[in-house]
Protein backbone atom coordinates (compact mmCIF):
# COMPACT_ATOMS: atom_id res chain seq x y z
CA MET A 1 -52.73 22.66 -2.74
CA THR A 2 -51.31 20.11 -5.17
CA GLN A 3 -53.59 18.32 -7.63
CA VAL A 4 -56.04 16.18 -5.65
CA THR A 5 -57.20 12.79 -6.88
CA VAL A 6 -60.93 12.25 -6.38
CA ALA A 7 -62.39 8.76 -6.65
CA PRO A 8 -65.94 7.41 -6.42
CA VAL A 9 -66.70 5.22 -3.43
CA GLY A 10 -68.66 2.07 -4.25
CA SER A 11 -71.25 1.97 -7.00
CA LEU A 12 -74.35 3.62 -5.52
CA TRP A 13 -76.02 6.57 -7.26
CA ALA A 14 -78.02 8.82 -4.92
CA GLY A 15 -80.88 11.00 -6.05
CA LEU A 16 -79.76 13.91 -3.86
CA GLY A 17 -76.88 12.85 -1.64
CA GLU A 18 -76.25 15.10 1.36
CA GLY A 19 -75.13 15.42 4.97
CA PRO A 20 -72.14 13.04 5.31
CA VAL A 21 -70.92 12.32 8.85
CA TRP A 22 -68.25 9.82 9.91
CA ASP A 23 -69.35 7.33 12.58
CA ASP A 24 -66.02 6.27 14.08
CA ALA A 25 -67.54 3.70 16.45
CA ALA A 26 -69.18 1.84 13.57
CA GLY A 27 -66.46 2.57 11.00
CA LEU A 28 -69.11 3.82 8.58
CA LEU A 29 -69.91 6.97 6.68
CA ARG A 30 -73.51 7.98 7.34
CA TRP A 31 -75.21 10.16 4.74
CA ILE A 32 -78.68 10.86 3.44
CA ASP A 33 -80.67 10.98 0.23
CA ILE A 34 -83.16 13.84 0.36
CA ARG A 35 -84.92 12.86 -2.87
CA LEU A 36 -85.21 9.11 -2.23
CA CYS A 37 -85.89 9.50 1.55
CA ARG A 38 -83.04 7.25 2.66
CA LEU A 39 -80.31 7.02 5.28
CA TYR A 40 -77.13 5.47 3.84
CA ALA A 41 -74.24 3.72 5.58
CA THR A 42 -71.07 3.17 3.52
CA ASP A 43 -68.31 0.73 4.49
CA LEU A 44 -64.98 2.06 3.21
CA ALA A 45 -63.31 -1.34 3.27
CA THR A 46 -65.78 -2.86 0.82
CA GLY A 47 -67.38 0.16 -0.80
CA GLU A 48 -70.74 -1.37 0.03
CA THR A 49 -73.59 0.96 0.93
CA ILE A 50 -76.71 -0.19 2.73
CA PHE A 51 -79.75 1.99 3.35
CA ARG A 52 -82.88 2.39 5.43
CA ASP A 53 -86.01 3.96 3.99
CA LEU A 54 -87.26 6.92 6.00
CA PRO A 55 -90.84 8.12 6.56
CA GLY A 56 -90.13 11.46 4.89
CA SER A 57 -87.50 13.55 3.18
CA PRO A 58 -84.51 14.06 5.54
CA GLY A 59 -82.71 17.38 5.74
CA CYS A 60 -79.69 16.10 7.65
CA ALA A 61 -78.41 13.46 10.06
CA ALA A 62 -76.17 13.67 13.12
CA LEU A 63 -74.70 11.34 15.73
CA THR A 64 -75.97 11.45 19.31
CA ASP A 65 -74.05 11.14 22.56
CA ASP A 66 -75.51 7.68 23.21
CA GLY A 67 -74.61 6.20 19.82
CA ALA A 68 -77.91 6.71 18.01
CA ILE A 69 -78.62 8.80 14.90
CA LEU A 70 -80.63 12.01 14.93
CA LEU A 71 -82.64 12.80 11.79
CA ALA A 72 -84.30 16.08 10.83
CA ILE A 73 -87.38 15.24 8.77
CA GLY A 74 -90.02 17.79 7.86
CA GLN A 75 -90.17 20.02 10.94
CA GLY A 76 -89.39 17.30 13.45
CA LEU A 77 -86.33 15.69 15.03
CA LEU A 78 -86.35 11.90 15.33
CA VAL A 79 -83.86 9.49 16.86
CA MET A 80 -83.10 6.19 15.11
CA SER A 81 -81.92 3.36 17.33
CA ALA A 82 -79.47 0.66 16.27
CA THR A 83 -82.43 -1.54 15.34
CA GLY A 84 -83.91 1.13 13.08
CA ASP A 85 -86.74 2.16 15.39
CA LEU A 86 -87.67 5.85 15.20
CA ARG A 87 -88.91 8.02 18.03
CA PRO A 88 -89.76 11.72 17.85
CA VAL A 89 -87.89 14.01 20.25
CA ALA A 90 -88.81 17.57 19.20
CA ALA A 91 -90.65 19.67 16.62
CA LEU A 92 -90.80 23.32 15.61
CA PRO A 93 -93.62 25.47 16.98
CA PRO A 94 -96.79 25.17 14.84
CA GLY A 95 -97.13 27.49 11.87
CA MET A 96 -93.45 27.93 11.04
CA PRO A 97 -92.64 27.99 7.30
CA GLY A 98 -90.28 25.60 5.55
CA ARG A 99 -88.82 22.17 6.12
CA PHE A 100 -85.58 21.28 7.86
CA ASN A 101 -82.51 21.33 5.64
CA ASP A 102 -78.84 21.16 6.68
CA GLY A 103 -77.75 21.09 10.32
CA LYS A 104 -75.05 20.02 12.79
CA PRO A 105 -74.46 19.81 16.53
CA ASP A 106 -72.03 22.16 18.23
CA ALA A 107 -69.42 21.13 20.79
CA ALA A 108 -71.89 21.58 23.65
CA GLY A 109 -74.35 19.14 22.07
CA ARG A 110 -76.85 21.74 20.87
CA PHE A 111 -78.31 20.91 17.46
CA TRP A 112 -78.36 23.73 14.89
CA VAL A 113 -80.67 23.21 11.94
CA GLY A 114 -82.22 25.59 9.44
CA THR A 115 -85.31 25.58 7.28
CA ALA A 116 -85.83 26.10 3.56
CA THR A 117 -88.65 26.42 1.04
CA ALA A 118 -88.80 25.67 -2.67
CA GLU A 119 -90.16 29.16 -3.36
CA GLY A 120 -87.01 30.93 -2.16
CA HIS A 121 -88.76 33.47 0.07
CA PHE A 122 -86.75 34.85 3.00
CA ASP A 123 -89.23 33.68 5.64
CA CYS A 124 -87.28 30.71 7.00
CA ALA A 125 -84.81 30.63 9.89
CA LEU A 126 -81.81 29.04 11.53
CA TRP A 127 -82.90 27.22 14.70
CA CYS A 128 -81.01 25.78 17.66
CA HIS A 129 -82.34 22.91 19.74
CA ASP A 130 -81.06 22.47 23.29
CA SER A 131 -82.13 19.34 25.13
CA GLY A 132 -83.05 21.37 28.19
CA ALA A 133 -84.77 24.30 26.51
CA GLY A 134 -86.20 23.11 23.20
CA PHE A 135 -86.00 25.15 20.00
CA SER A 136 -84.92 28.78 19.83
CA GLN A 137 -84.77 30.86 16.66
CA ARG A 138 -81.25 32.19 16.17
CA LEU A 139 -81.41 33.80 12.74
CA PRO A 140 -84.63 34.89 10.95
CA GLY A 141 -84.99 36.06 7.35
CA ILE A 142 -83.38 32.97 5.78
CA SER A 143 -84.27 31.55 2.37
CA MET A 144 -82.43 28.21 2.06
CA SER A 145 -80.51 27.38 5.21
CA ASN A 146 -77.55 25.21 4.37
CA GLY A 147 -73.96 24.47 5.45
CA ILE A 148 -72.84 25.19 8.99
CA GLY A 149 -69.60 24.61 10.92
CA TRP A 150 -67.28 25.95 13.62
CA SER A 151 -63.62 26.87 13.89
CA PRO A 152 -61.43 24.51 15.94
CA ASP A 153 -61.61 26.84 18.96
CA ARG A 154 -65.42 27.10 18.47
CA ARG A 155 -65.31 30.89 18.62
CA ARG A 156 -66.32 31.38 15.02
CA MET A 157 -69.33 29.92 13.22
CA TYR A 158 -69.59 29.62 9.44
CA TYR A 159 -72.99 29.57 7.79
CA VAL A 160 -74.59 29.41 4.34
CA ASP A 161 -77.93 30.72 3.15
CA SER A 162 -77.56 29.36 -0.38
CA VAL A 163 -79.77 31.89 -2.17
CA THR A 164 -77.50 34.76 -1.06
CA GLN A 165 -74.55 33.01 -2.79
CA ARG A 166 -72.42 33.85 0.28
CA LEU A 167 -70.50 32.18 3.04
CA ASP A 168 -70.94 34.16 6.26
CA ALA A 169 -68.97 34.13 9.50
CA PHE A 170 -70.23 34.92 13.03
CA ALA A 171 -68.59 35.41 16.37
CA HIS A 172 -69.72 32.44 18.47
CA ASP A 173 -69.77 31.95 22.24
CA PRO A 174 -69.20 28.20 22.78
CA GLU A 175 -70.65 28.31 26.30
CA THR A 176 -73.96 29.99 25.54
CA GLY A 177 -74.24 29.39 21.80
CA ALA A 178 -74.79 33.11 21.18
CA ILE A 179 -73.84 34.38 17.71
CA SER A 180 -73.10 37.97 16.64
CA ASP A 181 -71.18 40.14 14.15
CA ARG A 182 -72.37 38.47 10.96
CA ARG A 183 -70.22 39.26 7.94
CA ALA A 184 -69.80 37.84 4.45
CA ILE A 185 -66.37 36.30 3.81
CA CYS A 186 -66.89 34.68 0.39
CA SER A 187 -69.28 35.28 -2.52
CA LEU A 188 -69.81 32.97 -5.50
CA PRO A 189 -70.34 34.06 -9.11
CA GLY A 190 -73.00 33.28 -11.70
CA ASP A 191 -75.33 30.35 -11.01
CA GLN A 192 -73.04 28.76 -8.42
CA LEU A 193 -74.57 28.22 -4.98
CA PRO A 194 -72.72 27.50 -1.73
CA ASP A 195 -74.04 24.31 -0.14
CA GLY A 196 -72.70 22.12 2.68
CA LEU A 197 -69.38 22.70 4.41
CA CYS A 198 -66.93 21.35 6.95
CA VAL A 199 -63.88 22.70 8.81
CA ASP A 200 -60.53 20.94 9.12
CA ALA A 201 -58.30 20.65 12.19
CA GLU A 202 -56.17 23.59 11.03
CA GLY A 203 -59.17 25.90 10.63
CA GLY A 204 -59.54 25.66 6.86
CA ILE A 205 -63.06 25.72 5.43
CA TRP A 206 -64.22 23.24 2.79
CA LEU A 207 -67.28 24.51 0.91
CA ALA A 208 -69.29 22.41 -1.56
CA VAL A 209 -70.43 24.41 -4.60
CA TRP A 210 -73.71 23.42 -6.27
CA GLY A 211 -73.27 24.12 -9.97
CA GLY A 212 -69.54 24.61 -9.61
CA ALA A 213 -68.29 20.99 -9.81
CA CYS A 214 -65.96 21.62 -6.89
CA VAL A 215 -65.28 21.93 -3.20
CA LEU A 216 -63.50 25.17 -2.36
CA HIS A 217 -60.72 25.21 0.25
CA LEU A 218 -60.93 28.57 2.01
CA SER A 219 -58.97 30.32 4.74
CA PRO A 220 -60.87 31.49 7.86
CA GLU A 221 -61.06 34.91 6.16
CA GLY A 222 -62.61 33.41 3.01
CA ARG A 223 -59.55 33.52 0.75
CA GLU A 224 -59.41 30.66 -1.73
CA LEU A 225 -56.49 28.33 -0.97
CA GLY A 226 -57.38 25.70 -3.54
CA ARG A 227 -60.19 23.58 -4.83
CA VAL A 228 -61.13 19.94 -5.28
CA THR A 229 -62.55 19.46 -8.76
CA LEU A 230 -65.35 16.91 -9.26
CA PRO A 231 -66.45 15.28 -12.55
CA THR A 232 -70.08 16.29 -11.94
CA PRO A 233 -71.52 19.77 -11.30
CA LEU A 234 -74.01 19.40 -8.46
CA VAL A 235 -71.75 19.09 -5.42
CA THR A 236 -73.78 19.15 -2.21
CA SER A 237 -71.69 18.59 0.93
CA CYS A 238 -68.48 17.27 2.42
CA ALA A 239 -67.08 15.85 5.66
CA PHE A 240 -63.83 14.39 6.94
CA GLY A 241 -63.70 10.77 8.05
CA GLY A 242 -61.89 7.47 7.80
CA PRO A 243 -58.69 6.65 9.73
CA ALA A 244 -57.41 9.75 11.56
CA TYR A 245 -60.03 11.77 9.66
CA ARG A 246 -57.67 12.06 6.69
CA THR A 247 -60.27 11.51 3.94
CA LEU A 248 -62.63 14.17 2.61
CA PHE A 249 -65.94 12.61 1.59
CA ILE A 250 -68.05 14.52 -0.93
CA THR A 251 -71.70 14.00 -1.84
CA THR A 252 -73.39 14.97 -5.10
CA ALA A 253 -76.84 15.10 -6.68
CA SER A 254 -78.24 13.51 -9.81
CA GLU A 255 -80.28 15.60 -12.26
CA ASP A 256 -78.72 14.39 -15.53
CA GLU A 257 -79.31 10.77 -16.48
CA ASP A 258 -76.46 10.98 -18.99
CA ASP A 259 -73.92 11.96 -16.31
CA PRO A 260 -72.31 8.76 -14.96
CA TYR A 261 -70.93 10.58 -11.91
CA ALA A 262 -74.04 12.47 -10.84
CA GLY A 263 -75.23 11.31 -7.42
CA ARG A 264 -72.04 9.46 -6.59
CA LEU A 265 -70.17 9.57 -3.30
CA PHE A 266 -66.52 10.60 -3.69
CA ALA A 267 -63.40 10.46 -1.52
CA ALA A 268 -60.21 12.53 -1.67
CA ASP A 269 -56.98 12.90 0.29
CA VAL A 270 -56.56 16.67 0.57
CA GLY A 271 -53.43 16.62 2.72
CA VAL A 272 -55.02 17.74 5.97
CA ALA A 273 -57.04 16.04 8.71
CA GLY A 274 -60.50 16.91 9.86
CA MET A 275 -62.03 16.87 13.32
CA ALA A 276 -64.27 14.26 14.90
CA PRO A 277 -67.92 15.29 14.49
CA ASP A 278 -69.67 16.74 17.51
CA ARG A 279 -72.59 14.77 18.92
CA VAL A 280 -76.09 15.82 19.87
CA ARG A 281 -76.78 15.78 23.59
CA LEU A 282 -80.17 14.24 24.32
CA PRO A 283 -82.03 13.96 27.62
């Protein structure tokens, strides 16, 4: 990869920016602020970002098949209409530990979302919600469920439990959603933690590194192909969007008031296109 130019988008500083997803119908980048309990919408043409306050701390957001926005807040899934009205659609069984963190829909419209706790115990899980069957636990023994994505043919799933400092790969059955054959394909050094991720149209993986001031570009086998360097260390997630999905959007977090780039949204042309985000199928 040649040297990539990264530029801030607009002037907004998030507390803990996360979960970017490109809404092609609206021409907006949707993303969240976990710390300030907000849903953002950024217009690329103007750089302007508007926001809606949410009733709790969101873990992630996704688009639905009918044009609404699905939000994972606490242990519940809520749908936000175009007017901003919220309605609950599902919740975890009572007594489950943790709060929802990162998540995404698969190509069949199932919504995969994991839980996390501040204590770092391995008592959380990766869950899958199917509109016809509700929640099912797909992976127990998780500490901080984070980035998730699929290969272009949907037969491989990539997944991050941040505390393990690994990126794992699974065999994935796109028809049933079954996963198997978990294996680590990339490990990070020191205090660096893998966070959110996305997959491009050629199968490359883009992994945000909390504490590493970068997004790693990895092969499907986990070999580093390059990296996008950011001017702030706490890089949280990334997603392709914009015209033809040629722009990589990168979110960051703010924990240093003297860092002028902490919490900013960034954009980069990395020389490859992404894929349109999958949408959640709702009844």
